[in-house]
Structure formats: structure tokens, C-alpha cells
Amino acid sequence: MNDIKAVSELTYQDVAEYIRLDEISESDQNTLNNLINIAKNFICNYTGKSLEGLDDYQDFVIVVLILCQDMWDNRSLYIDKGNLNKVVETILGMHAENLL
């Protein structure tokens, strides 16, 4: 995988490599692009950061990859906050601005 330093640099190919897809159909490509966008929006909603602000935190790259893998493995286009991966929860919690 490329040395990705920002969330905006992630492509469907990076996600496909991370989740170990050998062949990517056009349908898979569209799905992976959607998963990337959903993961980015989830991070924004969880942390209160703007979409543009995600690039300020290199650790969000792995969060996007983990979320995409989880959504791909479960073939669902939603994320259950009650059953969040501990790595994702820890990283996002460190950056959350909207804790009440």
C-alpha cells in the first residue's frame, strides 16, 4: 500500500488492497468509493471535525480503512455506534470535540 498521509489521499484501490480484494469489478469500485465516503462522514459526525479537517490527523487513515473493511465484511452501509471497533473508538475519542 502507498504511504498514505491523509484521508483525502485514500482511493478505492487502497481500500481494496487493505481488505485483500484481488479483482475489482466496476460495482465493487462504486461500493468501495461509497464506503470511503460513509466512513469519512461517520468520523466527522463522531468527532465534530469538518471533512476538510480530517487530513490534519494521519491516524484517521487507518480508521477509514477499518470502517471500510467492517462495512465490506458485513455488506452493510451503516455503522452501529454500539458495536464499534475498539481501535476506531479510541482514535476517534481522542479527537472528539463534541462530547457532552
PDB file of N, CA and C in Angstrom:
ATOM      1  N   MET A   1       0.856  -1.176   0.000  1.00  0.00           N
ATOM      2  CA  MET A   1       0.000   0.000   0.000  1.00  0.00           C
ATOM      3  C   MET A   1       0.897   1.233   0.000  1.00  0.00           C
ATOM      4  N   ASN A   2       0.415   2.260  -0.639  1.00  0.00           N
ATOM      5  CA  ASN A   2       1.154   3.517  -0.684  1.00  0.00           C
ATOM      6  C   ASN A   2       1.285   4.102   0.712  1.00  0.00           C
ATOM      7  N   ASP A   3       2.228   5.003   0.875  1.00  0.00           N
ATOM      8  CA  ASP A   3       2.390   5.708   2.145  1.00  0.00           C
ATOM      9  C   ASP A   3       1.362   6.838   2.187  1.00  0.00           C
ATOM     10  N   ILE A   4       0.212   6.539   2.725  1.00  0.00           N
ATOM     11  CA  ILE A   4      -0.902   7.476   2.730  1.00  0.00           C
ATOM     12  C   ILE A   4      -0.827   8.310   4.000  1.00  0.00           C
ATOM     13  N   LYS A   5      -0.787   9.623   3.826  1.00  0.00           N
ATOM     14  CA  LYS A   5      -0.652  10.523   4.957  1.00  0.00           C
ATOM     15  C   LYS A   5      -1.921  11.294   5.284  1.00  0.00           C
ATOM     16  N   ALA A   6      -2.912  11.222   4.409  1.00  0.00           N
ATOM     17  CA  ALA A   6      -4.142  11.993   4.619  1.00  0.00           C
ATOM     18  C   ALA A   6      -5.339  11.207   4.110  1.00  0.00           C
ATOM     19  N   VAL A   7      -6.461  11.403   4.766  1.00  0.00           N
ATOM     20  CA  VAL A   7      -7.699  10.730   4.394  1.00  0.00           C
ATOM     21  C   VAL A   7      -8.065  11.027   2.941  1.00  0.00           C
ATOM     22  N   SER A   8      -7.842  12.246   2.497  1.00  0.00           N
ATOM     23  CA  SER A   8      -8.213  12.623   1.127  1.00  0.00           C
ATOM     24  C   SER A   8      -7.402  11.876   0.066  1.00  0.00           C
ATOM     25  N   GLU A   9      -6.288  11.273   0.449  1.00  0.00           N
ATOM     26  CA  GLU A   9      -5.457  10.520  -0.485  1.00  0.00           C
ATOM     27  C   GLU A   9      -5.966   9.099  -0.707  1.00  0.00           C
ATOM     28  N   LEU A  10      -6.860   8.623   0.149  1.00  0.00           N
ATOM     29  CA  LEU A  10      -7.357   7.251   0.041  1.00  0.00           C
ATOM     30  C   LEU A  10      -8.187   7.063  -1.220  1.00  0.00           C
ATOM     31  N   THR A  11      -7.942   5.968  -1.899  1.00  0.00           N
ATOM     32  CA  THR A  11      -8.709   5.617  -3.094  1.00  0.00           C
ATOM     33  C   THR A  11      -9.326   4.233  -2.897  1.00  0.00           C
ATOM     34  N   TYR A  12     -10.221   3.891  -3.807  1.00  0.00           N
ATOM     35  CA  TYR A  12     -10.830   2.568  -3.724  1.00  0.00           C
ATOM     36  C   TYR A  12      -9.770   1.472  -3.867  1.00  0.00           C
ATOM     37  N   GLN A  13      -8.686   1.744  -4.613  1.00  0.00           N
ATOM     38  CA  GLN A  13      -7.625   0.752  -4.753  1.00  0.00           C
ATOM     39  C   GLN A  13      -6.917   0.496  -3.422  1.00  0.00           C
ATOM     40  N   ASP A  14      -6.722   1.566  -2.637  1.00  0.00           N
ATOM     41  CA  ASP A  14      -6.090   1.413  -1.325  1.00  0.00           C
ATOM     42  C   ASP A  14      -6.958   0.557  -0.408  1.00  0.00           C
ATOM     43  N   VAL A  15      -8.248   0.825  -0.430  1.00  0.00           N
ATOM     44  CA  VAL A  15      -9.169   0.048   0.396  1.00  0.00           C
ATOM     45  C   VAL A  15      -9.208  -1.398  -0.085  1.00  0.00           C
ATOM     46  N   ALA A  16      -9.265  -1.604  -1.396  1.00  0.00           N
ATOM     47  CA  ALA A  16      -9.281  -2.961  -1.950  1.00  0.00           C
ATOM     48  C   ALA A  16      -8.035  -3.732  -1.530  1.00  0.00           C
ATOM     49  N   GLU A  17      -6.897  -3.084  -1.566  1.00  0.00           N
ATOM     50  CA  GLU A  17      -5.658  -3.729  -1.139  1.00  0.00           C
ATOM     51  C   GLU A  17      -5.709  -4.051   0.348  1.00  0.00           C
ATOM     52  N   TYR A  18      -6.218  -3.121   1.154  1.00  0.00           N
ATOM     53  CA  TYR A  18      -6.303  -3.325   2.602  1.00  0.00           C
ATOM     54  C   TYR A  18      -7.216  -4.510   2.939  1.00  0.00           C
ATOM     55  N   ILE A  19      -8.327  -4.641   2.228  1.00  0.00           N
ATOM     56  CA  ILE A  19      -9.257  -5.727   2.532  1.00  0.00           C
ATOM     57  C   ILE A  19      -8.979  -6.978   1.682  1.00  0.00           C
ATOM     58  N   ARG A  20      -7.890  -6.933   0.930  1.00  0.00           N
ATOM     59  CA  ARG A  20      -7.373  -8.070   0.168  1.00  0.00           C
ATOM     60  C   ARG A  20      -8.311  -8.556  -0.936  1.00  0.00           C
ATOM     61  N   LEU A  21      -8.771  -7.607  -1.732  1.00  0.00           N
ATOM     62  CA  LEU A  21      -9.558  -7.954  -2.918  1.00  0.00           C
ATOM     63  C   LEU A  21      -8.605  -8.087  -4.098  1.00  0.00           C
ATOM     64  N   ASP A  22      -8.667  -9.211  -4.761  1.00  0.00           N
ATOM     65  CA  ASP A  22      -7.779  -9.431  -5.906  1.00  0.00           C
ATOM     66  C   ASP A  22      -8.304  -8.770  -7.171  1.00  0.00           C
ATOM     67  N   GLU A  23      -9.568  -8.992  -7.442  1.00  0.00           N
ATOM     68  CA  GLU A  23     -10.176  -8.425  -8.632  1.00  0.00           C
ATOM     69  C   GLU A  23     -11.280  -7.468  -8.209  1.00  0.00           C
ATOM     70  N   ILE A  24     -11.329  -6.320  -8.870  1.00  0.00           N
ATOM     71  CA  ILE A  24     -12.309  -5.300  -8.515  1.00  0.00           C
ATOM     72  C   ILE A  24     -13.187  -5.017  -9.725  1.00  0.00           C
ATOM     73  N   SER A  25     -14.455  -5.348  -9.602  1.00  0.00           N
ATOM     74  CA  SER A  25     -15.394  -5.044 -10.673  1.00  0.00           C
ATOM     75  C   SER A  25     -15.803  -3.572 -10.575  1.00  0.00           C
ATOM     76  N   GLU A  26     -16.497  -3.104 -11.579  1.00  0.00           N
ATOM     77  CA  GLU A  26     -16.981  -1.719 -11.542  1.00  0.00           C
ATOM     78  C   GLU A  26     -17.956  -1.534 -10.380  1.00  0.00           C
ATOM     79  N   SER A  27     -18.745  -2.538 -10.118  1.00  0.00           N
ATOM     80  CA  SER A  27     -19.680  -2.499  -8.993  1.00  0.00           C
ATOM     81  C   SER A  27     -18.929  -2.425  -7.662  1.00  0.00           C
ATOM     82  N   ASP A  28     -17.861  -3.223  -7.527  1.00  0.00           N
ATOM     83  CA  ASP A  28     -17.032  -3.181  -6.321  1.00  0.00           C
ATOM     84  C   ASP A  28     -16.385  -1.806  -6.156  1.00  0.00           C
ATOM     85  N   GLN A  29     -15.919  -1.248  -7.263  1.00  0.00           N
ATOM     86  CA  GLN A  29     -15.300   0.076  -7.232  1.00  0.00           C
ATOM     87  C   GLN A  29     -16.291   1.111  -6.699  1.00  0.00           C
ATOM     88  N   ASN A  30     -17.502   1.078  -7.202  1.00  0.00           N
ATOM     89  CA  ASN A  30     -18.527   2.016  -6.735  1.00  0.00           C
ATOM     90  C   ASN A  30     -18.835   1.803  -5.262  1.00  0.00           C
ATOM     91  N   THR A  31     -18.934   0.542  -4.864  1.00  0.00           N
ATOM     92  CA  THR A  31     -19.210   0.239  -3.461  1.00  0.00           C
ATOM     93  C   THR A  31     -18.088   0.743  -2.562  1.00  0.00           C
ATOM     94  N   LEU A  32     -16.849   0.499  -2.951  1.00  0.00           N
ATOM     95  CA  LEU A  32     -15.713   0.941  -2.135  1.00  0.00           C
ATOM     96  C   LEU A  32     -15.660   2.466  -2.039  1.00  0.00           C
ATOM     97  N   ASN A  33     -15.943   3.151  -3.132  1.00  0.00           N
ATOM     98  CA  ASN A  33     -15.987   4.618  -3.078  1.00  0.00           C
ATOM     99  C   ASN A  33     -17.082   5.091  -2.126  1.00  0.00           C
ATOM    100  N   ASN A  34     -18.229   4.428  -2.154  1.00  0.00           N
ATOM    101  CA  ASN A  34     -19.310   4.775  -1.227  1.00  0.00           C
ATOM    102  C   ASN A  34     -18.904   4.511   0.215  1.00  0.00           C
ATOM    103  N   LEU A  35     -18.231   3.391   0.455  1.00  0.00           N
ATOM    104  CA  LEU A  35     -17.794   3.068   1.812  1.00  0.00           C
ATOM    105  C   LEU A  35     -16.802   4.094   2.338  1.00  0.00           C
ATOM    106  N   ILE A  36     -15.919   4.561   1.485  1.00  0.00           N
ATOM    107  CA  ILE A  36     -14.959   5.603   1.896  1.00  0.00           C
ATOM    108  C   ILE A  36     -15.709   6.854   2.321  1.00  0.00           C
ATOM    109  N   ASN A  37     -16.679   7.271   1.520  1.00  0.00           N
ATOM    110  CA  ASN A  37     -17.459   8.474   1.858  1.00  0.00           C
ATOM    111  C   ASN A  37     -18.262   8.291   3.137  1.00  0.00           C
ATOM    112  N   ILE A  38     -18.852   7.127   3.314  1.00  0.00           N
ATOM    113  CA  ILE A  38     -19.607   6.851   4.536  1.00  0.00           C
ATOM    114  C   ILE A  38     -18.682   6.885   5.749  1.00  0.00           C
ATOM    115  N   ALA A  39     -17.503   6.279   5.631  1.00  0.00           N
ATOM    116  CA  ALA A  39     -16.545   6.273   6.739  1.00  0.00           C
ATOM    117  C   ALA A  39     -16.105   7.698   7.096  1.00  0.00           C
ATOM    118  N   LYS A  40     -15.838   8.512   6.093  1.00  0.00           N
ATOM    119  CA  LYS A  40     -15.442   9.905   6.340  1.00  0.00           C
ATOM    120  C   LYS A  40     -16.559  10.659   7.062  1.00  0.00           C
ATOM    121  N   ASN A  41     -17.783  10.482   6.603  1.00  0.00           N
ATOM    122  CA  ASN A  41     -18.911  11.158   7.251  1.00  0.00           C
ATOM    123  C   ASN A  41     -19.112  10.666   8.673  1.00  0.00           C
ATOM    124  N   PHE A  42     -18.903   9.387   8.901  1.00  0.00           N
ATOM    125  CA  PHE A  42     -19.021   8.844  10.249  1.00  0.00           C
ATOM    126  C   PHE A  42     -17.996   9.509  11.174  1.00  0.00           C
ATOM    127  N   ILE A  43     -16.756   9.631  10.701  1.00  0.00           N
ATOM    128  CA  ILE A  43     -15.704  10.263  11.511  1.00  0.00           C
ATOM    129  C   ILE A  43     -16.080  11.708  11.821  1.00  0.00           C
ATOM    130  N   CYS A  44     -16.568  12.428  10.819  1.00  0.00           N
ATOM    131  CA  CYS A  44     -16.984  13.817  11.029  1.00  0.00           C
ATOM    132  C   CYS A  44     -18.092  13.909  12.078  1.00  0.00           C
ATOM    133  N   ASN A  45     -19.093  13.049  11.960  1.00  0.00           N
ATOM    134  CA  ASN A  45     -20.207  13.073  12.904  1.00  0.00           C
ATOM    135  C   ASN A  45     -19.768  12.664  14.301  1.00  0.00           C
ATOM    136  N   TYR A  46     -18.867  11.711  14.402  1.00  0.00           N
ATOM    137  CA  TYR A  46     -18.403  11.210  15.693  1.00  0.00           C
ATOM    138  C   TYR A  46     -17.536  12.236  16.406  1.00  0.00           C
ATOM    139  N   THR A  47     -16.658  12.884  15.648  1.00  0.00           N
ATOM    140  CA  THR A  47     -15.677  13.781  16.267  1.00  0.00           C
ATOM    141  C   THR A  47     -16.079  15.250  16.258  1.00  0.00           C
ATOM    142  N   GLY A  48     -16.988  15.638  15.363  1.00  0.00           N
ATOM    143  CA  GLY A  48     -17.337  17.047  15.229  1.00  0.00           C
ATOM    144  C   GLY A  48     -16.373  17.804  14.326  1.00  0.00           C
ATOM    145  N   LYS A  49     -15.452  17.093  13.701  1.00  0.00           N
ATOM    146  CA  LYS A  49     -14.496  17.723  12.787  1.00  0.00           C
ATOM    147  C   LYS A  49     -15.135  17.871  11.409  1.00  0.00           C
ATOM    148  N   SER A  50     -14.627  18.836  10.652  1.00  0.00           N
ATOM    149  CA  SER A  50     -15.123  19.035   9.284  1.00  0.00           C
ATOM    150  C   SER A  50     -14.450  18.027   8.359  1.00  0.00           C
ATOM    151  N   LEU A  51     -15.055  17.804   7.210  1.00  0.00           N
ATOM    152  CA  LEU A  51     -14.486  16.894   6.222  1.00  0.00           C
ATOM    153  C   LEU A  51     -13.080  17.341   5.827  1.00  0.00           C
ATOM    154  N   GLU A  52     -12.909  18.638   5.662  1.00  0.00           N
ATOM    155  CA  GLU A  52     -11.595  19.177   5.296  1.00  0.00           C
ATOM    156  C   GLU A  52     -10.588  18.996   6.435  1.00  0.00           C
ATOM    157  N   GLY A  53     -11.068  18.976   7.659  1.00  0.00           N
ATOM    158  CA  GLY A  53     -10.189  18.850   8.821  1.00  0.00           C
ATOM    159  C   GLY A  53      -9.666  17.446   9.051  1.00  0.00           C
ATOM    160  N   LEU A  54     -10.220  16.459   8.374  1.00  0.00           N
ATOM    161  CA  LEU A  54      -9.774  15.084   8.586  1.00  0.00           C
ATOM    162  C   LEU A  54      -8.324  14.880   8.178  1.00  0.00           C
ATOM    163  N   ASP A  55      -7.864  15.637   7.193  1.00  0.00           N
ATOM    164  CA  ASP A  55      -6.488  15.490   6.720  1.00  0.00           C
ATOM    165  C   ASP A  55      -5.459  15.963   7.745  1.00  0.00           C
ATOM    166  N   ASP A  56      -5.902  16.644   8.783  1.00  0.00           N
ATOM    167  CA  ASP A  56      -4.979  17.105   9.821  1.00  0.00           C
ATOM    168  C   ASP A  56      -4.536  15.980  10.748  1.00  0.00           C
ATOM    169  N   TYR A  57      -5.168  14.828  10.624  1.00  0.00           N
ATOM    170  CA  TYR A  57      -4.906  13.718  11.537  1.00  0.00           C
ATOM    171  C   TYR A  57      -4.613  12.456  10.739  1.00  0.00           C
ATOM    172  N   GLN A  58      -3.349  12.080  10.665  1.00  0.00           N
ATOM    173  CA  GLN A  58      -2.944  10.925   9.874  1.00  0.00           C
ATOM    174  C   GLN A  58      -3.547   9.629  10.415  1.00  0.00           C
ATOM    175  N   ASP A  59      -3.835   9.573  11.715  1.00  0.00           N
ATOM    176  CA  ASP A  59      -4.393   8.345  12.264  1.00  0.00           C
ATOM    177  C   ASP A  59      -5.815   8.076  11.789  1.00  0.00           C
ATOM    178  N   PHE A  60      -6.476   9.061  11.202  1.00  0.00           N
ATOM    179  CA  PHE A  60      -7.808   8.831  10.646  1.00  0.00           C
ATOM    180  C   PHE A  60      -7.754   7.946   9.398  1.00  0.00           C
ATOM    181  N   VAL A  61      -6.589   7.833   8.774  1.00  0.00           N
ATOM    182  CA  VAL A  61      -6.448   6.978   7.591  1.00  0.00           C
ATOM    183  C   VAL A  61      -6.781   5.533   7.965  1.00  0.00           C
ATOM    184  N   ILE A  62      -6.200   5.034   9.059  1.00  0.00           N
ATOM    185  CA  ILE A  62      -6.466   3.656   9.462  1.00  0.00           C
ATOM    186  C   ILE A  62      -7.911   3.496   9.908  1.00  0.00           C
ATOM    187  N   VAL A  63      -8.488   4.549  10.482  1.00  0.00           N
ATOM    188  CA  VAL A  63      -9.893   4.483  10.894  1.00  0.00           C
ATOM    189  C   VAL A  63     -10.780   4.282   9.666  1.00  0.00           C
ATOM    190  N   VAL A  64     -10.531   5.028   8.603  1.00  0.00           N
ATOM    191  CA  VAL A  64     -11.312   4.868   7.378  1.00  0.00           C
ATOM    192  C   VAL A  64     -11.147   3.450   6.841  1.00  0.00           C
ATOM    193  N   LEU A  65      -9.927   2.948   6.820  1.00  0.00           N
ATOM    194  CA  LEU A  65      -9.683   1.605   6.309  1.00  0.00           C
ATOM    195  C   LEU A  65     -10.405   0.543   7.147  1.00  0.00           C
ATOM    196  N   ILE A  66     -10.342   0.672   8.458  1.00  0.00           N
ATOM    197  CA  ILE A  66     -11.000  -0.297   9.346  1.00  0.00           C
ATOM    198  C   ILE A  66     -12.511  -0.243   9.165  1.00  0.00           C
ATOM    199  N   LEU A  67     -13.057   0.967   9.107  1.00  0.00           N
ATOM    200  CA  LEU A  67     -14.504   1.100   8.919  1.00  0.00           C
ATOM    201  C   LEU A  67     -14.939   0.513   7.580  1.00  0.00           C
ATOM    202  N   CYS A  68     -14.163   0.782   6.540  1.00  0.00           N
ATOM    203  CA  CYS A  68     -14.492   0.224   5.220  1.00  0.00           C
ATOM    204  C   CYS A  68     -14.430  -1.303   5.242  1.00  0.00           C
ATOM    205  N   GLN A  69     -13.418  -1.844   5.899  1.00  0.00           N
ATOM    206  CA  GLN A  69     -13.313  -3.295   5.988  1.00  0.00           C
ATOM    207  C   GLN A  69     -14.508  -3.880   6.733  1.00  0.00           C
ATOM    208  N   ASP A  70     -14.881  -3.258   7.827  1.00  0.00           N
ATOM    209  CA  ASP A  70     -16.020  -3.750   8.605  1.00  0.00           C
ATOM    210  C   ASP A  70     -17.304  -3.699   7.780  1.00  0.00           C
ATOM    211  N   MET A  71     -17.519  -2.592   7.091  1.00  0.00           N
ATOM    212  CA  MET A  71     -18.723  -2.479   6.264  1.00  0.00           C
ATOM    213  C   MET A  71     -18.689  -3.465   5.102  1.00  0.00           C
ATOM    214  N   TRP A  72     -17.515  -3.673   4.502  1.00  0.00           N
ATOM    215  CA  TRP A  72     -17.398  -4.629   3.400  1.00  0.00           C
ATOM    216  C   TRP A  72     -17.678  -6.046   3.906  1.00  0.00           C
ATOM    217  N   ASP A  73     -17.047  -6.400   5.024  1.00  0.00           N
ATOM    218  CA  ASP A  73     -17.222  -7.749   5.569  1.00  0.00           C
ATOM    219  C   ASP A  73     -18.672  -8.026   5.942  1.00  0.00           C
ATOM    220  N   ASN A  74     -19.355  -7.017   6.438  1.00  0.00           N
ATOM    221  CA  ASN A  74     -20.744  -7.178   6.860  1.00  0.00           C
ATOM    222  C   ASN A  74     -21.724  -6.824   5.755  1.00  0.00           C
ATOM    223  N   ARG A  75     -21.211  -6.324   4.638  1.00  0.00           N
ATOM    224  CA  ARG A  75     -22.021  -5.928   3.490  1.00  0.00           C
ATOM    225  C   ARG A  75     -23.185  -5.033   3.884  1.00  0.00           C
ATOM    226  N   SER A  76     -22.898  -4.122   4.786  1.00  0.00           N
ATOM    227  CA  SER A  76     -23.933  -3.186   5.205  1.00  0.00           C
ATOM    228  C   SER A  76     -23.379  -1.776   5.076  1.00  0.00           C
ATOM    229  N   LEU A  77     -24.239  -0.846   4.737  1.00  0.00           N
ATOM    230  CA  LEU A  77     -23.803   0.529   4.547  1.00  0.00           C
ATOM    231  C   LEU A  77     -24.213   1.393   5.734  1.00  0.00           C
ATOM    232  N   TYR A  78     -24.039   0.867   6.906  1.00  0.00           N
ATOM    233  CA  TYR A  78     -24.272   1.625   8.120  1.00  0.00           C
ATOM    234  C   TYR A  78     -23.272   1.156   9.163  1.00  0.00           C
ATOM    235  N   ILE A  79     -23.126   1.942  10.196  1.00  0.00           N
ATOM    236  CA  ILE A  79     -22.213   1.595  11.278  1.00  0.00           C
ATOM    237  C   ILE A  79     -22.980   1.708  12.580  1.00  0.00           C
ATOM    238  N   ASP A  80     -22.879   0.708  13.410  1.00  0.00           N
ATOM    239  CA  ASP A  80     -23.544   0.686  14.693  1.00  0.00           C
ATOM    240  C   ASP A  80     -22.588   1.239  15.748  1.00  0.00           C
ATOM    241  N   LYS A  81     -22.892   2.419  16.297  1.00  0.00           N
ATOM    242  CA  LYS A  81     -22.019   3.023  17.300  1.00  0.00           C
ATOM    243  C   LYS A  81     -21.887   2.156  18.543  1.00  0.00           C
ATOM    244  N   GLY A  82     -22.873   1.311  18.812  1.00  0.00           N
ATOM    245  CA  GLY A  82     -22.835   0.468  19.992  1.00  0.00           C
ATOM    246  C   GLY A  82     -21.873  -0.696  19.857  1.00  0.00           C
ATOM    247  N   ASN A  83     -21.450  -1.000  18.650  1.00  0.00           N
ATOM    248  CA  ASN A  83     -20.574  -2.139  18.407  1.00  0.00           C
ATOM    249  C   ASN A  83     -19.366  -1.703  17.595  1.00  0.00           C
ATOM    250  N   LEU A  84     -18.734  -0.622  18.017  1.00  0.00           N
ATOM    251  CA  LEU A  84     -17.632  -0.020  17.279  1.00  0.00           C
ATOM    252  C   LEU A  84     -16.318  -0.711  17.615  1.00  0.00           C
ATOM    253  N   ASN A  85     -15.476  -0.896  16.618  1.00  0.00           N
ATOM    254  CA  ASN A  85     -14.145  -1.450  16.788  1.00  0.00           C
ATOM    255  C   ASN A  85     -13.399  -0.618  17.831  1.00  0.00           C
ATOM    256  N   LYS A  86     -12.704  -1.276  18.753  1.00  0.00           N
ATOM    257  CA  LYS A  86     -12.023  -0.574  19.862  1.00  0.00           C
ATOM    258  C   LYS A  86     -10.929   0.378  19.372  1.00  0.00           C
ATOM    259  N   VAL A  87     -10.205  -0.001  18.327  1.00  0.00           N
ATOM    260  CA  VAL A  87      -9.170   0.887  17.780  1.00  0.00           C
ATOM    261  C   VAL A  87      -9.824   2.145  17.233  1.00  0.00           C
ATOM    262  N   VAL A  88     -10.887   1.968  16.464  1.00  0.00           N
ATOM    263  CA  VAL A  88     -11.609   3.104  15.889  1.00  0.00           C
ATOM    264  C   VAL A  88     -12.152   3.991  17.009  1.00  0.00           C
ATOM    265  N   GLU A  89     -12.792   3.371  17.993  1.00  0.00           N
ATOM    266  CA  GLU A  89     -13.382   4.127  19.100  1.00  0.00           C
ATOM    267  C   GLU A  89     -12.322   4.928  19.863  1.00  0.00           C
ATOM    268  N   THR A  90     -11.171   4.341  20.100  1.00  0.00           N
ATOM    269  CA  THR A  90     -10.098   5.019  20.827  1.00  0.00           C
ATOM    270  C   THR A  90      -9.551   6.205  20.042  1.00  0.00           C
ATOM    271  N   ILE A  91      -9.256   5.993  18.755  1.00  0.00           N
ATOM    272  CA  ILE A  91      -8.700   7.076  17.938  1.00  0.00           C
ATOM    273  C   ILE A  91      -9.703   8.212  17.794  1.00  0.00           C
ATOM    274  N   LEU A  92     -10.951   7.874  17.485  1.00  0.00           N
ATOM    275  CA  LEU A  92     -11.958   8.927  17.326  1.00  0.00           C
ATOM    276  C   LEU A  92     -12.216   9.636  18.644  1.00  0.00           C
ATOM    277  N   GLY A  93     -12.203   8.907  19.735  1.00  0.00           N
ATOM    278  CA  GLY A  93     -12.414   9.518  21.042  1.00  0.00           C
ATOM    279  C   GLY A  93     -11.332  10.530  21.394  1.00  0.00           C
ATOM    280  N   MET A  94     -10.104  10.287  20.949  1.00  0.00           N
ATOM    281  CA  MET A  94      -9.003  11.231  21.207  1.00  0.00           C
ATOM    282  C   MET A  94      -9.226  12.558  20.494  1.00  0.00           C
ATOM    283  N   HIS A  95      -9.992  12.530  19.410  1.00  0.00           N
ATOM    284  CA  HIS A  95     -10.170  13.734  18.600  1.00  0.00           C
ATOM    285  C   HIS A  95     -11.566  14.344  18.696  1.00  0.00           C
ATOM    286  N   ALA A  96     -12.427  13.726  19.460  1.00  0.00           N
ATOM    287  CA  ALA A  96     -13.816  14.201  19.530  1.00  0.00           C
ATOM    288  C   ALA A  96     -13.903  15.565  20.186  1.00  0.00           C
ATOM    289  N   GLU A  97     -14.624  16.455  19.525  1.00  0.00           N
ATOM    290  CA  GLU A  97     -14.815  17.816  20.042  1.00  0.00           C
ATOM    291  C   GLU A  97     -16.230  18.020  20.552  1.00  0.00           C
ATOM    292  N   ASN A  98     -17.101  17.082  20.273  1.00  0.00           N
ATOM    293  CA  ASN A  98     -18.498  17.271  20.588  1.00  0.00           C
ATOM    294  C   ASN A  98     -19.000  16.339  21.678  1.00  0.00           C
ATOM    295  N   LEU A  99     -18.156  16.060  22.674  1.00  0.00           N
ATOM    296  CA  LEU A  99     -18.560  15.195  23.775  1.00  0.00           C
ATOM    297  C   LEU A  99     -19.393  16.002  24.753  1.00  0.00           C
ATOM    298  N   LEU A 100     -20.561  15.497  25.065  1.00  0.00           N
ATOM    299  CA  LEU A 100     -21.434  16.157  26.038  1.00  0.00           C
ATOM    300  C   LEU A 100     -21.826  15.207  27.125  1.00  0.00           C
TER     301      LEU A 100
END
